Amino acid sequence: MGFILMLIVGGLIGWIAGGILGKDIPGGILGNIISGIVGAALGSWLLGEWGPSIGSIHIFPALIGTIVLIAIVSLVLNLIRK
């Protein structure tokens, strides 16, 4: 049950971060889940584990890490397209 909850929370974090930045994440729902989980790992690595936790994902560092990840991926994709 913990893995499914982590996937759901990762998807929600990815969706919220994409909405904050106004960027669509490539891959739709799967892209949201992957970006949320990778962003959570990045945020926990950079900022530590603080704030509320759901499904073993700490919300605030995950959101900040996912925003950073989406911004970097969007920048790289824009450079590749040009």
PDB file of N, CA and C in Angstrom:
ATOM      1  N   MET A   1       0.822  -1.195   0.000  1.00  0.00           N
ATOM      2  CA  MET A   1       0.000   0.000   0.000  1.00  0.00           C
ATOM      3  C   MET A   1       0.866   1.258   0.000  1.00  0.00           C
ATOM      4  N   GLY A   2       2.022   1.199   0.631  1.00  0.00           N
ATOM      5  CA  GLY A   2       2.906   2.354   0.697  1.00  0.00           C
ATOM      6  C   GLY A   2       3.432   2.767  -0.666  1.00  0.00           C
ATOM      7  N   PHE A   3       3.700   1.782  -1.539  1.00  0.00           N
ATOM      8  CA  PHE A   3       4.211   2.083  -2.871  1.00  0.00           C
ATOM      9  C   PHE A   3       3.149   2.784  -3.708  1.00  0.00           C
ATOM     10  N   ILE A   4       1.911   2.322  -3.619  1.00  0.00           N
ATOM     11  CA  ILE A   4       0.816   2.942  -4.372  1.00  0.00           C
ATOM     12  C   ILE A   4       0.579   4.363  -3.882  1.00  0.00           C
ATOM     13  N   LEU A   5       0.637   4.555  -2.574  1.00  0.00           N
ATOM     14  CA  LEU A   5       0.466   5.900  -2.016  1.00  0.00           C
ATOM     15  C   LEU A   5       1.596   6.822  -2.465  1.00  0.00           C
ATOM     16  N   MET A   6       2.810   6.278  -2.543  1.00  0.00           N
ATOM     17  CA  MET A   6       3.940   7.071  -3.013  1.00  0.00           C
ATOM     18  C   MET A   6       3.742   7.479  -4.478  1.00  0.00           C
ATOM     19  N   LEU A   7       3.215   6.578  -5.302  1.00  0.00           N
ATOM     20  CA  LEU A   7       2.942   6.909  -6.703  1.00  0.00           C
ATOM     21  C   LEU A   7       1.880   7.996  -6.816  1.00  0.00           C
ATOM     22  N   ILE A   8       0.840   7.905  -6.006  1.00  0.00           N
ATOM     23  CA  ILE A   8      -0.233   8.903  -6.032  1.00  0.00           C
ATOM     24  C   ILE A   8       0.295  10.264  -5.592  1.00  0.00           C
ATOM     25  N   VAL A   9       1.032  10.289  -4.487  1.00  0.00           N
ATOM     26  CA  VAL A   9       1.580  11.555  -3.982  1.00  0.00           C
ATOM     27  C   VAL A   9       2.594  12.130  -4.968  1.00  0.00           C
ATOM     28  N   GLY A  10       3.426  11.277  -5.561  1.00  0.00           N
ATOM     29  CA  GLY A  10       4.385  11.742  -6.565  1.00  0.00           C
ATOM     30  C   GLY A  10       3.680  12.358  -7.764  1.00  0.00           C
ATOM     31  N   GLY A  11       2.596  11.743  -8.207  1.00  0.00           N
ATOM     32  CA  GLY A  11       1.820  12.297  -9.317  1.00  0.00           C
ATOM     33  C   GLY A  11       1.203  13.635  -8.975  1.00  0.00           C
ATOM     34  N   LEU A  12       0.674  13.745  -7.756  1.00  0.00           N
ATOM     35  CA  LEU A  12       0.084  15.018  -7.330  1.00  0.00           C
ATOM     36  C   LEU A  12       1.135  16.116  -7.207  1.00  0.00           C
ATOM     37  N   ILE A  13       2.289  15.775  -6.656  1.00  0.00           N
ATOM     38  CA  ILE A  13       3.373  16.757  -6.529  1.00  0.00           C
ATOM     39  C   ILE A  13       3.828  17.219  -7.910  1.00  0.00           C
ATOM     40  N   GLY A  14       3.977  16.291  -8.847  1.00  0.00           N
ATOM     41  CA  GLY A  14       4.364  16.654 -10.210  1.00  0.00           C
ATOM     42  C   GLY A  14       3.327  17.538 -10.878  1.00  0.00           C
ATOM     43  N   TRP A  15       2.051  17.231 -10.675  1.00  0.00           N
ATOM     44  CA  TRP A  15       0.966  18.021 -11.258  1.00  0.00           C
ATOM     45  C   TRP A  15       0.933  19.427 -10.667  1.00  0.00           C
ATOM     46  N   ILE A  16       1.086  19.533  -9.343  1.00  0.00           N
ATOM     47  CA  ILE A  16       1.078  20.846  -8.684  1.00  0.00           C
ATOM     48  C   ILE A  16       2.272  21.682  -9.132  1.00  0.00           C
ATOM     49  N   ALA A  17       3.455  21.067  -9.189  1.00  0.00           N
ATOM     50  CA  ALA A  17       4.653  21.800  -9.609  1.00  0.00           C
ATOM     51  C   ALA A  17       4.523  22.272 -11.052  1.00  0.00           C
ATOM     52  N   GLY A  18       3.971  21.435 -11.923  1.00  0.00           N
ATOM     53  CA  GLY A  18       3.748  21.846 -13.301  1.00  0.00           C
ATOM     54  C   GLY A  18       2.760  22.998 -13.391  1.00  0.00           C
ATOM     55  N   GLY A  19       1.743  22.978 -12.530  1.00  0.00           N
ATOM     56  CA  GLY A  19       0.774  24.065 -12.503  1.00  0.00           C
ATOM     57  C   GLY A  19       1.377  25.357 -11.994  1.00  0.00           C
ATOM     58  N   ILE A  20       2.250  25.272 -11.000  1.00  0.00           N
ATOM     59  CA  ILE A  20       2.902  26.468 -10.467  1.00  0.00           C
ATOM     60  C   ILE A  20       3.780  27.115 -11.538  1.00  0.00           C
ATOM     61  N   LEU A  21       4.516  26.288 -12.267  1.00  0.00           N
ATOM     62  CA  LEU A  21       5.406  26.824 -13.311  1.00  0.00           C
ATOM     63  C   LEU A  21       4.674  27.140 -14.607  1.00  0.00           C
ATOM     64  N   GLY A  22       3.472  26.607 -14.768  1.00  0.00           N
ATOM     65  CA  GLY A  22       2.743  26.810 -16.014  1.00  0.00           C
ATOM     66  C   GLY A  22       3.328  26.013 -17.165  1.00  0.00           C
ATOM     67  N   LYS A  23       3.980  24.908 -16.856  1.00  0.00           N
ATOM     68  CA  LYS A  23       4.616  24.063 -17.876  1.00  0.00           C
ATOM     69  C   LYS A  23       3.922  22.705 -17.886  1.00  0.00           C
ATOM     70  N   ASP A  24       3.758  22.145 -19.074  1.00  0.00           N
ATOM     71  CA  ASP A  24       3.270  20.783 -19.184  1.00  0.00           C
ATOM     72  C   ASP A  24       4.450  19.834 -19.095  1.00  0.00           C
ATOM     73  N   ILE A  25       4.270  18.796 -18.321  1.00  0.00           N
ATOM     74  CA  ILE A  25       5.324  17.810 -18.172  1.00  0.00           C
ATOM     75  C   ILE A  25       5.155  16.771 -19.269  1.00  0.00           C
ATOM     76  N   PRO A  26       6.201  16.494 -20.049  1.00  0.00           N
ATOM     77  CA  PRO A  26       6.068  15.478 -21.089  1.00  0.00           C
ATOM     78  C   PRO A  26       5.731  14.120 -20.481  1.00  0.00           C
ATOM     79  N   GLY A  27       4.823  13.395 -21.102  1.00  0.00           N
ATOM     80  CA  GLY A  27       4.490  12.063 -20.631  1.00  0.00           C
ATOM     81  C   GLY A  27       3.183  11.988 -19.879  1.00  0.00           C
ATOM     82  N   GLY A  28       2.506  13.100 -19.695  1.00  0.00           N
ATOM     83  CA  GLY A  28       1.203  13.088 -19.041  1.00  0.00           C
ATOM     84  C   GLY A  28       1.264  12.625 -17.599  1.00  0.00           C
ATOM     85  N   ILE A  29       0.389  11.693 -17.246  1.00  0.00           N
ATOM     86  CA  ILE A  29       0.297  11.215 -15.864  1.00  0.00           C
ATOM     87  C   ILE A  29       1.580  10.512 -15.446  1.00  0.00           C
ATOM     88  N   LEU A  30       2.122   9.690 -16.324  1.00  0.00           N
ATOM     89  CA  LEU A  30       3.370   8.991 -16.004  1.00  0.00           C
ATOM     90  C   LEU A  30       4.513   9.982 -15.808  1.00  0.00           C
ATOM     91  N   GLY A  31       4.549  11.029 -16.611  1.00  0.00           N
ATOM     92  CA  GLY A  31       5.556  12.075 -16.449  1.00  0.00           C
ATOM     93  C   GLY A  31       5.407  12.806 -15.127  1.00  0.00           C
ATOM     94  N   ASN A  32       4.153  13.053 -14.706  1.00  0.00           N
ATOM     95  CA  ASN A  32       3.912  13.683 -13.407  1.00  0.00           C
ATOM     96  C   ASN A  32       4.412  12.800 -12.273  1.00  0.00           C
ATOM     97  N   ILE A  33       4.126  11.515 -12.354  1.00  0.00           N
ATOM     98  CA  ILE A  33       4.558  10.589 -11.302  1.00  0.00           C
ATOM     99  C   ILE A  33       6.079  10.539 -11.231  1.00  0.00           C
ATOM    100  N   ILE A  34       6.718  10.378 -12.386  1.00  0.00           N
ATOM    101  CA  ILE A  34       8.183  10.284 -12.403  1.00  0.00           C
ATOM    102  C   ILE A  34       8.822  11.582 -11.922  1.00  0.00           C
ATOM    103  N   SER A  35       8.321  12.725 -12.411  1.00  0.00           N
ATOM    104  CA  SER A  35       8.905  13.997 -11.986  1.00  0.00           C
ATOM    105  C   SER A  35       8.668  14.241 -10.501  1.00  0.00           C
ATOM    106  N   GLY A  36       7.515  13.836  -9.988  1.00  0.00           N
ATOM    107  CA  GLY A  36       7.244  14.000  -8.561  1.00  0.00           C
ATOM    108  C   GLY A  36       8.160  13.160  -7.685  1.00  0.00           C
ATOM    109  N   ILE A  37       8.400  11.923  -8.095  1.00  0.00           N
ATOM    110  CA  ILE A  37       9.261  11.036  -7.297  1.00  0.00           C
ATOM    111  C   ILE A  37      10.727  11.460  -7.411  1.00  0.00           C
ATOM    112  N   VAL A  38      11.179  11.766  -8.624  1.00  0.00           N
ATOM    113  CA  VAL A  38      12.569  12.219  -8.801  1.00  0.00           C
ATOM    114  C   VAL A  38      12.766  13.577  -8.122  1.00  0.00           C
ATOM    115  N   GLY A  39      11.779  14.459  -8.252  1.00  0.00           N
ATOM    116  CA  GLY A  39      11.853  15.762  -7.584  1.00  0.00           C
ATOM    117  C   GLY A  39      11.862  15.628  -6.076  1.00  0.00           C
ATOM    118  N   ALA A  40      11.122  14.646  -5.555  1.00  0.00           N
ATOM    119  CA  ALA A  40      11.128  14.407  -4.112  1.00  0.00           C
ATOM    120  C   ALA A  40      12.501  13.946  -3.644  1.00  0.00           C
ATOM    121  N   ALA A  41      13.121  13.078  -4.419  1.00  0.00           N
ATOM    122  CA  ALA A  41      14.472  12.631  -4.073  1.00  0.00           C
ATOM    123  C   ALA A  41      15.464  13.790  -4.146  1.00  0.00           C
ATOM    124  N   LEU A  42      15.342  14.607  -5.189  1.00  0.00           N
ATOM    125  CA  LEU A  42      16.219  15.770  -5.346  1.00  0.00           C
ATOM    126  C   LEU A  42      16.005  16.767  -4.205  1.00  0.00           C
ATOM    127  N   GLY A  43      14.745  17.040  -3.889  1.00  0.00           N
ATOM    128  CA  GLY A  43      14.443  17.977  -2.807  1.00  0.00           C
ATOM    129  C   GLY A  43      14.913  17.489  -1.451  1.00  0.00           C
ATOM    130  N   SER A  44      14.750  16.190  -1.191  1.00  0.00           N
ATOM    131  CA  SER A  44      15.223  15.639   0.081  1.00  0.00           C
ATOM    132  C   SER A  44      16.738  15.663   0.155  1.00  0.00           C
ATOM    133  N   TRP A  45      17.385  15.451  -0.978  1.00  0.00           N
ATOM    134  CA  TRP A  45      18.844  15.491  -1.000  1.00  0.00           C
ATOM    135  C   TRP A  45      19.357  16.908  -0.778  1.00  0.00           C
ATOM    136  N   LEU A  46      18.712  17.889  -1.415  1.00  0.00           N
ATOM    137  CA  LEU A  46      19.157  19.275  -1.285  1.00  0.00           C
ATOM    138  C   LEU A  46      18.737  19.924   0.033  1.00  0.00           C
ATOM    139  N   LEU A  47      17.498  19.672   0.463  1.00  0.00           N
ATOM    140  CA  LEU A  47      16.929  20.401   1.589  1.00  0.00           C
ATOM    141  C   LEU A  47      16.726  19.566   2.850  1.00  0.00           C
ATOM    142  N   GLY A  48      16.918  18.283   2.771  1.00  0.00           N
ATOM    143  CA  GLY A  48      16.684  17.428   3.921  1.00  0.00           C
ATOM    144  C   GLY A  48      15.218  17.021   4.002  1.00  0.00           C
ATOM    145  N   GLU A  49      14.900  16.281   5.029  1.00  0.00           N
ATOM    146  CA  GLU A  49      13.540  15.780   5.200  1.00  0.00           C
ATOM    147  C   GLU A  49      12.862  16.567   6.310  1.00  0.00           C
ATOM    148  N   TRP A  50      12.004  17.504   5.935  1.00  0.00           N
ATOM    149  CA  TRP A  50      11.278  18.316   6.902  1.00  0.00           C
ATOM    150  C   TRP A  50       9.863  18.538   6.384  1.00  0.00           C
ATOM    151  N   GLY A  51       9.004  18.905   7.267  1.00  0.00           N
ATOM    152  CA  GLY A  51       7.619  19.153   6.899  1.00  0.00           C
ATOM    153  C   GLY A  51       6.797  17.877   6.941  1.00  0.00           C
ATOM    154  N   PRO A  52       5.535  18.001   6.597  1.00  0.00           N
ATOM    155  CA  PRO A  52       4.659  16.820   6.638  1.00  0.00           C
ATOM    156  C   PRO A  52       5.065  15.782   5.598  1.00  0.00           C
ATOM    157  N   SER A  53       4.804  14.525   5.924  1.00  0.00           N
ATOM    158  CA  SER A  53       5.177  13.422   5.063  1.00  0.00           C
ATOM    159  C   SER A  53       3.945  12.571   4.759  1.00  0.00           C
ATOM    160  N   ILE A  54       3.757  12.265   3.486  1.00  0.00           N
ATOM    161  CA  ILE A  54       2.681  11.373   3.061  1.00  0.00           C
ATOM    162  C   ILE A  54       3.296  10.349   2.119  1.00  0.00           C
ATOM    163  N   GLY A  55       3.095   9.076   2.409  1.00  0.00           N
ATOM    164  CA  GLY A  55       3.630   8.035   1.541  1.00  0.00           C
ATOM    165  C   GLY A  55       5.138   8.073   1.438  1.00  0.00           C
ATOM    166  N   SER A  56       5.820   8.384   2.508  1.00  0.00           N
ATOM    167  CA  SER A  56       7.276   8.508   2.620  1.00  0.00           C
ATOM    168  C   SER A  56       7.847   9.618   1.739  1.00  0.00           C
ATOM    169  N   ILE A  57       7.001  10.573   1.327  1.00  0.00           N
ATOM    170  CA  ILE A  57       7.453  11.745   0.579  1.00  0.00           C
ATOM    171  C   ILE A  57       7.191  12.973   1.439  1.00  0.00           C
ATOM    172  N   HIS A  58       8.236  13.723   1.732  1.00  0.00           N
ATOM    173  CA  HIS A  58       8.096  14.963   2.483  1.00  0.00           C
ATOM    174  C   HIS A  58       7.642  16.054   1.514  1.00  0.00           C
ATOM    175  N   ILE A  59       6.511  16.660   1.812  1.00  0.00           N
ATOM    176  CA  ILE A  59       5.790  17.485   0.846  1.00  0.00           C
ATOM    177  C   ILE A  59       6.582  18.715   0.396  1.00  0.00           C
ATOM    178  N   PHE A  60       7.066  19.540   1.315  1.00  0.00           N
ATOM    179  CA  PHE A  60       7.712  20.799   0.932  1.00  0.00           C
ATOM    180  C   PHE A  60       9.018  20.594   0.163  1.00  0.00           C
ATOM    181  N   PRO A  61       9.944  19.754   0.646  1.00  0.00           N
ATOM    182  CA  PRO A  61      11.148  19.533  -0.165  1.00  0.00           C
ATOM    183  C   PRO A  61      10.834  18.883  -1.510  1.00  0.00           C
ATOM    184  N   ALA A  62       9.815  18.015  -1.547  1.00  0.00           N
ATOM    185  CA  ALA A  62       9.439  17.373  -2.802  1.00  0.00           C
ATOM    186  C   ALA A  62       8.909  18.390  -3.793  1.00  0.00           C
ATOM    187  N   LEU A  63       8.089  19.306  -3.331  1.00  0.00           N
ATOM    188  CA  LEU A  63       7.535  20.325  -4.217  1.00  0.00           C
ATOM    189  C   LEU A  63       8.630  21.246  -4.755  1.00  0.00           C
ATOM    190  N   ILE A  64       9.524  21.670  -3.889  1.00  0.00           N
ATOM    191  CA  ILE A  64      10.625  22.544  -4.323  1.00  0.00           C
ATOM    192  C   ILE A  64      11.561  21.798  -5.273  1.00  0.00           C
ATOM    193  N   GLY A  65      11.891  20.555  -4.948  1.00  0.00           N
ATOM    194  CA  GLY A  65      12.750  19.757  -5.822  1.00  0.00           C
ATOM    195  C   GLY A  65      12.117  19.493  -7.175  1.00  0.00           C
ATOM    196  N   THR A  66      10.803  19.265  -7.199  1.00  0.00           N
ATOM    197  CA  THR A  66      10.112  19.021  -8.462  1.00  0.00           C
ATOM    198  C   THR A  66      10.036  20.291  -9.300  1.00  0.00           C
ATOM    199  N   ILE A  67       9.835  21.422  -8.667  1.00  0.00           N
ATOM    200  CA  ILE A  67       9.839  22.691  -9.402  1.00  0.00           C
ATOM    201  C   ILE A  67      11.203  22.920 -10.045  1.00  0.00           C
ATOM    202  N   VAL A  68      12.274  22.677  -9.304  1.00  0.00           N
ATOM    203  CA  VAL A  68      13.627  22.827  -9.851  1.00  0.00           C
ATOM    204  C   VAL A  68      13.836  21.848 -11.007  1.00  0.00           C
ATOM    205  N   LEU A  69      13.413  20.611 -10.836  1.00  0.00           N
ATOM    206  CA  LEU A  69      13.573  19.599 -11.873  1.00  0.00           C
ATOM    207  C   LEU A  69      12.818  19.970 -13.142  1.00  0.00           C
ATOM    208  N   ILE A  70      11.569  20.400 -13.018  1.00  0.00           N
ATOM    209  CA  ILE A  70      10.770  20.773 -14.190  1.00  0.00           C
ATOM    210  C   ILE A  70      11.371  21.986 -14.888  1.00  0.00           C
ATOM    211  N   ALA A  71      11.864  22.943 -14.112  1.00  0.00           N
ATOM    212  CA  ALA A  71      12.487  24.120 -14.718  1.00  0.00           C
ATOM    213  C   ALA A  71      13.726  23.730 -15.518  1.00  0.00           C
ATOM    214  N   ILE A  72      14.543  22.838 -14.979  1.00  0.00           N
ATOM    215  CA  ILE A  72      15.754  22.397 -15.675  1.00  0.00           C
ATOM    216  C   ILE A  72      15.399  21.605 -16.930  1.00  0.00           C
ATOM    217  N   VAL A  73      14.442  20.682 -16.817  1.00  0.00           N
ATOM    218  CA  VAL A  73      14.041  19.878 -17.970  1.00  0.00           C
ATOM    219  C   VAL A  73      13.439  20.763 -19.054  1.00  0.00           C
ATOM    220  N   SER A  74      12.617  21.731 -18.674  1.00  0.00           N
ATOM    221  CA  SER A  74      12.021  22.655 -19.650  1.00  0.00           C
ATOM    222  C   SER A  74      13.088  23.476 -20.357  1.00  0.00           C
ATOM    223  N   LEU A  75      14.091  23.933 -19.615  1.00  0.00           N
ATOM    224  CA  LEU A  75      15.185  24.700 -20.205  1.00  0.00           C
ATOM    225  C   LEU A  75      15.956  23.849 -21.205  1.00  0.00           C
ATOM    226  N   VAL A  76      16.276  22.619 -20.820  1.00  0.00           N
ATOM    227  CA  VAL A  76      17.029  21.721 -21.708  1.00  0.00           C
ATOM    228  C   VAL A  76      16.207  21.401 -22.957  1.00  0.00           C
ATOM    229  N   LEU A  77      14.918  21.112 -22.801  1.00  0.00           N
ATOM    230  CA  LEU A  77      14.082  20.804 -23.957  1.00  0.00           C
ATOM    231  C   LEU A  77      13.960  21.996 -24.892  1.00  0.00           C
ATOM    232  N   ASN A  78      13.879  23.211 -24.346  1.00  0.00           N
ATOM    233  CA  ASN A  78      13.822  24.407 -25.189  1.00  0.00           C
ATOM    234  C   ASN A  78      15.130  24.607 -25.947  1.00  0.00           C
ATOM    235  N   LEU A  79      16.256  24.311 -25.321  1.00  0.00           N
ATOM    236  CA  LEU A  79      17.551  24.439 -26.005  1.00  0.00           C
ATOM    237  C   LEU A  79      17.708  23.397 -27.102  1.00  0.00           C
ATOM    238  N   ILE A  80      17.176  22.200 -26.876  1.00  0.00           N
ATOM    239  CA  ILE A  80      17.265  21.143 -27.872  1.00  0.00           C
ATOM    240  C   ILE A  80      16.396  21.466 -29.075  1.00  0.00           C
ATOM    241  N   ARG A  81      15.228  22.030 -28.842  1.00  0.00           N
ATOM    242  CA  ARG A  81      14.293  22.335 -29.921  1.00  0.00           C
ATOM    243  C   ARG A  81      14.789  23.467 -30.822  1.00  0.00           C
ATOM    244  N   LYS A  82      15.654  24.317 -30.334  1.00  0.00           N
ATOM    245  CA  LYS A  82      16.142  25.443 -31.127  1.00  0.00           C
ATOM    246  C   LYS A  82      17.264  25.061 -31.999  1.00  0.00           C
TER     247      LYS A  82
END
